[in-house]
Amino acid sequence: MGKGGFPGGFGGGGGGANMGQLMKQAQKMQKDMEKAQEELSTEIIEASSGGGAVKVTFNGSKQLQSISINPEVVDAEDVEMLQDLILAAVNEGLQKVDALSSQKMGSYAGALKGMF
C-alpha cells in the first residue's frame, strides 16, 4: 500500500479538506434541524371525531393541549361511545402530528443517510 493510508482520503492523503467540509455540513444540518424542531413545537394541530362532537388540540411536540366535548354527546347510559369518540380524536391528532413532523424533519433523515 502506498503512502495514502485509507481510501477516500483518510490517513494523511490530503483528505482533511473533505472531512472539514463534511463537518461543516453536519453542523449546519444540526442547527437547521434544531430550528425545525423548535418551529414544529409551536405548531397547533386539531382533530375531531363524531362530526365535531369531540375536538382535540395538540402541539407539534405531541402534547395534548385541549379536549372539547359537545355536551349533547354526554350520555351517562353510553359512556363507552364517548370514550370511543375521545380515542378516535386523539389518535387522529397524533397521526396528524406525525405527518407534520415527517414533512418537516424527513428531509434531514434522508440527508443524514446520504452523508454516511
C-alpha atoms as a PDB file:
ATOM      1  CA  MET A   1       0.000   0.000   0.000  1.00  0.00           C
ATOM      2  CA  GLY A   2       1.334   3.465  -0.838  1.00  0.00           C
ATOM      3  CA  LYS A   3       1.613   6.462   1.419  1.00  0.00           C
ATOM      4  CA  GLY A   4      -2.096   7.365   1.255  1.00  0.00           C
ATOM      5  CA  GLY A   5      -3.336   5.248   4.168  1.00  0.00           C
ATOM      6  CA  PHE A   6      -7.090   4.619   3.782  1.00  0.00           C
ATOM      7  CA  PRO A   7      -9.138   5.001   0.605  1.00  0.00           C
ATOM      8  CA  GLY A   8     -11.204   8.162   0.421  1.00  0.00           C
ATOM      9  CA  GLY A   9      -8.590  10.496   1.830  1.00  0.00           C
ATOM     10  CA  PHE A  10      -8.317   9.386   5.469  1.00  0.00           C
ATOM     11  CA  GLY A  11      -4.860   8.878   6.927  1.00  0.00           C
ATOM     12  CA  GLY A  12      -2.657  11.601   5.522  1.00  0.00           C
ATOM     13  CA  GLY A  13      -3.598  11.500   1.857  1.00  0.00           C
ATOM     14  CA  GLY A  14      -4.858  15.086   1.739  1.00  0.00           C
ATOM     15  CA  GLY A  15      -8.489  14.286   2.606  1.00  0.00           C
ATOM     16  CA  GLY A  16      -8.619  16.711   5.525  1.00  0.00           C
ATOM     17  CA  ALA A  17     -10.359  19.359   3.437  1.00  0.00           C
ATOM     18  CA  ASN A  18     -13.128  16.910   2.515  1.00  0.00           C
ATOM     19  CA  MET A  19     -13.559  15.896   6.149  1.00  0.00           C
ATOM     20  CA  GLY A  20     -13.652  19.544   7.224  1.00  0.00           C
ATOM     21  CA  GLN A  21     -16.340  20.301   4.644  1.00  0.00           C
ATOM     22  CA  LEU A  22     -18.333  17.273   5.826  1.00  0.00           C
ATOM     23  CA  MET A  23     -18.128  18.503   9.414  1.00  0.00           C
ATOM     24  CA  LYS A  24     -19.327  21.985   8.391  1.00  0.00           C
ATOM     25  CA  GLN A  25     -22.280  20.453   6.547  1.00  0.00           C
ATOM     26  CA  ALA A  26     -23.127  18.301   9.563  1.00  0.00           C
ATOM     27  CA  GLN A  27     -23.005  21.293  11.925  1.00  0.00           C
ATOM     28  CA  LYS A  28     -25.222  23.367   9.632  1.00  0.00           C
ATOM     29  CA  MET A  29     -27.667  20.487   9.321  1.00  0.00           C
ATOM     30  CA  GLN A  30     -27.777  20.122  13.111  1.00  0.00           C
ATOM     31  CA  LYS A  31     -28.609  23.820  13.526  1.00  0.00           C
ATOM     32  CA  ASP A  32     -31.265  23.602  10.818  1.00  0.00           C
ATOM     33  CA  MET A  33     -32.798  20.524  12.481  1.00  0.00           C
ATOM     34  CA  GLU A  34     -32.907  22.259  15.856  1.00  0.00           C
ATOM     35  CA  LYS A  35     -34.659  25.239  14.266  1.00  0.00           C
ATOM     36  CA  ALA A  36     -37.171  22.963  12.522  1.00  0.00           C
ATOM     37  CA  GLN A  37     -37.876  21.117  15.793  1.00  0.00           C
ATOM     38  CA  GLU A  38     -38.439  24.421  17.561  1.00  0.00           C
ATOM     39  CA  GLU A  39     -40.819  25.559  14.830  1.00  0.00           C
ATOM     40  CA  LEU A  40     -42.609  22.203  14.970  1.00  0.00           C
ATOM     41  CA  SER A  41     -43.173  22.522  18.717  1.00  0.00           C
ATOM     42  CA  THR A  42     -45.107  25.772  18.163  1.00  0.00           C
ATOM     43  CA  GLU A  43     -47.456  24.260  15.576  1.00  0.00           C
ATOM     44  CA  ILE A  44     -51.076  23.660  16.627  1.00  0.00           C
ATOM     45  CA  ILE A  45     -52.828  20.575  15.257  1.00  0.00           C
ATOM     46  CA  GLU A  46     -56.555  19.995  15.627  1.00  0.00           C
ATOM     47  CA  ALA A  47     -58.553  16.802  15.134  1.00  0.00           C
ATOM     48  CA  SER A  48     -62.115  15.747  15.794  1.00  0.00           C
ATOM     49  CA  SER A  49     -64.468  12.782  15.772  1.00  0.00           C
ATOM     50  CA  GLY A  50     -68.192  12.235  15.749  1.00  0.00           C
ATOM     51  CA  GLY A  51     -68.755  15.068  13.313  1.00  0.00           C
ATOM     52  CA  GLY A  52     -67.065  17.514  15.664  1.00  0.00           C
ATOM     53  CA  ALA A  53     -68.630  16.153  18.851  1.00  0.00           C
ATOM     54  CA  VAL A  54     -65.148  15.685  20.324  1.00  0.00           C
ATOM     55  CA  LYS A  55     -62.311  18.010  19.377  1.00  0.00           C
ATOM     56  CA  VAL A  56     -58.684  17.796  20.491  1.00  0.00           C
ATOM     57  CA  THR A  57     -55.718  20.098  20.041  1.00  0.00           C
ATOM     58  CA  PHE A  58     -52.063  19.050  20.111  1.00  0.00           C
ATOM     59  CA  ASN A  59     -48.845  20.972  19.760  1.00  0.00           C
ATOM     60  CA  GLY A  60     -46.124  19.716  17.440  1.00  0.00           C
ATOM     61  CA  SER A  61     -44.383  18.015  20.364  1.00  0.00           C
ATOM     62  CA  LYS A  62     -47.327  15.618  20.755  1.00  0.00           C
ATOM     63  CA  GLN A  63     -48.585  17.303  23.901  1.00  0.00           C
ATOM     64  CA  LEU A  64     -52.360  17.306  24.218  1.00  0.00           C
ATOM     65  CA  GLN A  65     -53.369  20.929  24.711  1.00  0.00           C
ATOM     66  CA  SER A  66     -57.159  20.713  24.951  1.00  0.00           C
ATOM     67  CA  ILE A  67     -60.195  18.476  24.684  1.00  0.00           C
ATOM     68  CA  SER A  68     -63.605  19.871  23.842  1.00  0.00           C
ATOM     69  CA  ILE A  69     -66.719  17.698  24.215  1.00  0.00           C
ATOM     70  CA  ASN A  70     -70.122  18.747  22.940  1.00  0.00           C
ATOM     71  CA  PRO A  71     -72.498  18.315  25.928  1.00  0.00           C
ATOM     72  CA  GLU A  72     -75.045  16.674  23.634  1.00  0.00           C
ATOM     73  CA  VAL A  73     -72.876  13.555  23.312  1.00  0.00           C
ATOM     74  CA  VAL A  74     -72.511  13.117  27.068  1.00  0.00           C
ATOM     75  CA  ASP A  75     -74.857  10.282  27.959  1.00  0.00           C
ATOM     76  CA  ALA A  76     -74.490   8.543  31.311  1.00  0.00           C
ATOM     77  CA  GLU A  77     -76.071   5.463  29.725  1.00  0.00           C
ATOM     78  CA  ASP A  78     -73.474   5.310  26.940  1.00  0.00           C
ATOM     79  CA  VAL A  79     -70.097   6.294  28.378  1.00  0.00           C
ATOM     80  CA  GLU A  80     -68.424   3.795  26.049  1.00  0.00           C
ATOM     81  CA  MET A  81     -69.421   5.828  22.970  1.00  0.00           C
ATOM     82  CA  LEU A  82     -67.886   8.968  24.468  1.00  0.00           C
ATOM     83  CA  GLN A  83     -64.693   7.059  25.266  1.00  0.00           C
ATOM     84  CA  ASP A  84     -64.541   5.814  21.664  1.00  0.00           C
ATOM     85  CA  LEU A  85     -65.024   9.341  20.309  1.00  0.00           C
ATOM     86  CA  ILE A  86     -62.204  10.653  22.514  1.00  0.00           C
ATOM     87  CA  LEU A  87     -59.870   7.834  21.455  1.00  0.00           C
ATOM     88  CA  ALA A  88     -60.656   8.417  17.785  1.00  0.00           C
ATOM     89  CA  ALA A  89     -59.990  12.156  18.042  1.00  0.00           C
ATOM     90  CA  VAL A  90     -56.745  11.694  19.986  1.00  0.00           C
ATOM     91  CA  ASN A  91     -55.447   9.058  17.579  1.00  0.00           C
ATOM     92  CA  GLU A  92     -56.287  11.239  14.573  1.00  0.00           C
ATOM     93  CA  GLY A  93     -54.496  14.163  16.207  1.00  0.00           C
ATOM     94  CA  LEU A  94     -51.383  12.095  16.866  1.00  0.00           C
ATOM     95  CA  GLN A  95     -51.372  10.876  13.262  1.00  0.00           C
ATOM     96  CA  LYS A  96     -51.556  14.484  12.067  1.00  0.00           C
ATOM     97  CA  VAL A  97     -48.654  15.460  14.332  1.00  0.00           C
ATOM     98  CA  ASP A  98     -46.604  12.538  12.992  1.00  0.00           C
ATOM     99  CA  ALA A  99     -47.380  13.532   9.399  1.00  0.00           C
ATOM    100  CA  LEU A 100     -46.377  17.140  10.045  1.00  0.00           C
ATOM    101  CA  SER A 101     -43.209  16.004  11.804  1.00  0.00           C
ATOM    102  CA  SER A 102     -42.284  13.728   8.901  1.00  0.00           C
ATOM    103  CA  GLN A 103     -42.910  16.570   6.481  1.00  0.00           C
ATOM    104  CA  LYS A 104     -40.677  18.994   8.387  1.00  0.00           C
ATOM    105  CA  MET A 105     -37.985  16.584   9.560  1.00  0.00           C
ATOM    106  CA  GLY A 106     -37.974  13.921   6.820  1.00  0.00           C
ATOM    107  CA  SER A 107     -35.561  15.764   4.585  1.00  0.00           C
ATOM    108  CA  TYR A 108     -32.945  15.708   7.330  1.00  0.00           C
ATOM    109  CA  ALA A 109     -33.168  11.935   7.731  1.00  0.00           C
ATOM    110  CA  GLY A 110     -32.536  11.465   4.020  1.00  0.00           C
ATOM    111  CA  ALA A 111     -29.633  13.886   4.061  1.00  0.00           C
ATOM    112  CA  LEU A 112     -28.054  12.124   7.017  1.00  0.00           C
ATOM    113  CA  LYS A 113     -28.288   8.783   5.236  1.00  0.00           C
ATOM    114  CA  GLY A 114     -26.555  10.298   2.225  1.00  0.00           C
ATOM    115  CA  MET A 115     -23.696  11.611   4.329  1.00  0.00           C
ATOM    116  CA  PHE A 116     -22.790   8.266   5.846  1.00  0.00           C
END
